Amino acid sequence: MLANDMKKGQTGTLENGWNFKIEDNQKGITRVATVYGFYTEIGSIYLHDVATLDMPDGSKAHVEFTPSQQKNIDTIKKSFARLGF
């Protein structure tokens, strides 16, 4: 599923194993989501941290990015790597 096609209410799992629910209909590489982890919190998440999405038919899907989004994600990952993350 394309990242820009995710709508409010879409659920899934992050790379760290926590579940989330999208809370906005924006486009881009960050989205506002409710994250169910140690605590339930609402905040921004990076879409490249999404492991799988729950589809209406019960299957799981991966997030796909546009070339422009992928370029931005590569820049972010390089910046994190320079900082030691």
C-alpha atoms as a PDB file:
ATOM      1  CA  MET A   1       0.000   0.000   0.000  1.00  0.00           C
ATOM      2  CA  LEU A   2       1.307   3.461  -0.831  1.00  0.00           C
ATOM      3  CA  ALA A   3       2.041   5.641   2.192  1.00  0.00           C
ATOM      4  CA  ASN A   4      -0.185   8.415   0.811  1.00  0.00           C
ATOM      5  CA  ASP A   5      -3.149   5.997   0.613  1.00  0.00           C
ATOM      6  CA  MET A   6      -3.235   5.439   4.377  1.00  0.00           C
ATOM      7  CA  LYS A   7      -6.393   6.954   5.885  1.00  0.00           C
ATOM      8  CA  LYS A   8      -7.548   7.822   9.387  1.00  0.00           C
ATOM      9  CA  GLY A   9      -8.276   4.633  11.313  1.00  0.00           C
ATOM     10  CA  GLN A  10      -5.663   2.487   9.490  1.00  0.00           C
ATOM     11  CA  THR A  11      -3.910   0.208  11.983  1.00  0.00           C
ATOM     12  CA  GLY A  12      -0.625  -1.627  11.924  1.00  0.00           C
ATOM     13  CA  THR A  13       2.570  -2.575  13.729  1.00  0.00           C
ATOM     14  CA  LEU A  14       5.769  -0.552  14.113  1.00  0.00           C
ATOM     15  CA  GLU A  15       9.271  -2.026  13.773  1.00  0.00           C
ATOM     16  CA  ASN A  16       9.593  -2.170  17.576  1.00  0.00           C
ATOM     17  CA  GLY A  17       6.453  -4.342  17.848  1.00  0.00           C
ATOM     18  CA  TRP A  18       4.066  -1.671  19.116  1.00  0.00           C
ATOM     19  CA  ASN A  19       0.679  -1.200  17.453  1.00  0.00           C
ATOM     20  CA  PHE A  20      -0.625   2.081  16.096  1.00  0.00           C
ATOM     21  CA  LYS A  21      -3.714   3.721  14.603  1.00  0.00           C
ATOM     22  CA  ILE A  22      -3.449   6.628  12.130  1.00  0.00           C
ATOM     23  CA  GLU A  23      -5.261   9.762  13.337  1.00  0.00           C
ATOM     24  CA  ASP A  24      -5.003  12.054  10.278  1.00  0.00           C
ATOM     25  CA  ASN A  25      -5.450  12.033   6.502  1.00  0.00           C
ATOM     26  CA  GLN A  26      -2.260  13.941   5.634  1.00  0.00           C
ATOM     27  CA  LYS A  27       0.401  12.903   3.152  1.00  0.00           C
ATOM     28  CA  GLY A  28       4.148  12.728   3.625  1.00  0.00           C
ATOM     29  CA  ILE A  29       6.650  10.699   5.624  1.00  0.00           C
ATOM     30  CA  THR A  30       5.312  11.561   9.092  1.00  0.00           C
ATOM     31  CA  ARG A  31       1.791  10.942  10.333  1.00  0.00           C
ATOM     32  CA  VAL A  32      -0.077  11.572  13.556  1.00  0.00           C
ATOM     33  CA  ALA A  33      -0.923   8.273  15.226  1.00  0.00           C
ATOM     34  CA  THR A  34      -2.044   6.752  18.495  1.00  0.00           C
ATOM     35  CA  VAL A  35       0.727   4.379  19.551  1.00  0.00           C
ATOM     36  CA  TYR A  36      -0.061   1.526  21.928  1.00  0.00           C
ATOM     37  CA  GLY A  37       3.240   0.800  23.695  1.00  0.00           C
ATOM     38  CA  PHE A  38       4.225   0.991  27.356  1.00  0.00           C
ATOM     39  CA  TYR A  39       1.674   3.815  27.445  1.00  0.00           C
ATOM     40  CA  THR A  40      -0.934   4.895  24.923  1.00  0.00           C
ATOM     41  CA  GLU A  41       0.191   8.154  23.346  1.00  0.00           C
ATOM     42  CA  ILE A  42      -0.689  10.296  20.350  1.00  0.00           C
ATOM     43  CA  GLY A  43       2.160  11.795  18.344  1.00  0.00           C
ATOM     44  CA  SER A  44       4.023  11.830  15.064  1.00  0.00           C
ATOM     45  CA  ILE A  45       5.560   8.663  13.659  1.00  0.00           C
ATOM     46  CA  TYR A  46       7.879   8.185  10.690  1.00  0.00           C
ATOM     47  CA  LEU A  47       6.326   5.904   8.095  1.00  0.00           C
ATOM     48  CA  HIS A  48       9.643   4.155   7.497  1.00  0.00           C
ATOM     49  CA  ASP A  49       9.259   2.806  11.062  1.00  0.00           C
ATOM     50  CA  VAL A  50       6.062   0.944  10.077  1.00  0.00           C
ATOM     51  CA  ALA A  51       6.609  -2.817   9.815  1.00  0.00           C
ATOM     52  CA  THR A  52       3.167  -3.920   8.588  1.00  0.00           C
ATOM     53  CA  LEU A  53      -0.309  -2.537   7.966  1.00  0.00           C
ATOM     54  CA  ASP A  54      -3.523  -4.357   8.813  1.00  0.00           C
ATOM     55  CA  MET A  55      -5.738  -4.637   5.740  1.00  0.00           C
ATOM     56  CA  PRO A  56      -9.569  -4.873   5.852  1.00  0.00           C
ATOM     57  CA  ASP A  57      -9.487  -8.478   4.586  1.00  0.00           C
ATOM     58  CA  GLY A  58      -7.311  -9.536   7.541  1.00  0.00           C
ATOM     59  CA  SER A  59      -4.018  -9.685   5.647  1.00  0.00           C
ATOM     60  CA  LYS A  60      -0.854  -7.695   6.319  1.00  0.00           C
ATOM     61  CA  ALA A  61       0.794  -5.274   3.870  1.00  0.00           C
ATOM     62  CA  HIS A  62       4.027  -3.284   3.719  1.00  0.00           C
ATOM     63  CA  VAL A  63       4.250   0.462   3.120  1.00  0.00           C
ATOM     64  CA  GLU A  64       5.520   1.577  -0.282  1.00  0.00           C
ATOM     65  CA  PHE A  65       6.929   5.062  -0.888  1.00  0.00           C
ATOM     66  CA  THR A  66       6.986   7.466  -3.814  1.00  0.00           C
ATOM     67  CA  PRO A  67      10.474   8.332  -5.170  1.00  0.00           C
ATOM     68  CA  SER A  68      10.322  11.739  -3.474  1.00  0.00           C
ATOM     69  CA  GLN A  69       9.387  10.190  -0.120  1.00  0.00           C
ATOM     70  CA  GLN A  70      12.161   7.601  -0.474  1.00  0.00           C
ATOM     71  CA  LYS A  71      14.695  10.377  -1.101  1.00  0.00           C
ATOM     72  CA  ASN A  72      13.576  12.163   2.090  1.00  0.00           C
ATOM     73  CA  ILE A  73      13.707   8.914   4.077  1.00  0.00           C
ATOM     74  CA  ASP A  74      17.253   8.198   2.858  1.00  0.00           C
ATOM     75  CA  THR A  75      18.307  11.691   3.977  1.00  0.00           C
ATOM     76  CA  ILE A  76      16.751  11.164   7.424  1.00  0.00           C
ATOM     77  CA  LYS A  77      18.428   7.774   7.858  1.00  0.00           C
ATOM     78  CA  LYS A  78      21.823   9.246   6.874  1.00  0.00           C
ATOM     79  CA  SER A  79      21.354  12.028   9.432  1.00  0.00           C
ATOM     80  CA  PHE A  80      20.477   9.509  12.158  1.00  0.00           C
ATOM     81  CA  ALA A  81      23.496   7.397  11.232  1.00  0.00           C
ATOM     82  CA  ARG A  82      25.794  10.432  11.590  1.00  0.00           C
ATOM     83  CA  LEU A  83      24.389  10.989  15.070  1.00  0.00           C
ATOM     84  CA  GLY A  84      25.012   7.367  16.017  1.00  0.00           C
ATOM     85  CA  PHE A  85      21.418   6.085  15.995  1.00  0.00           C
END
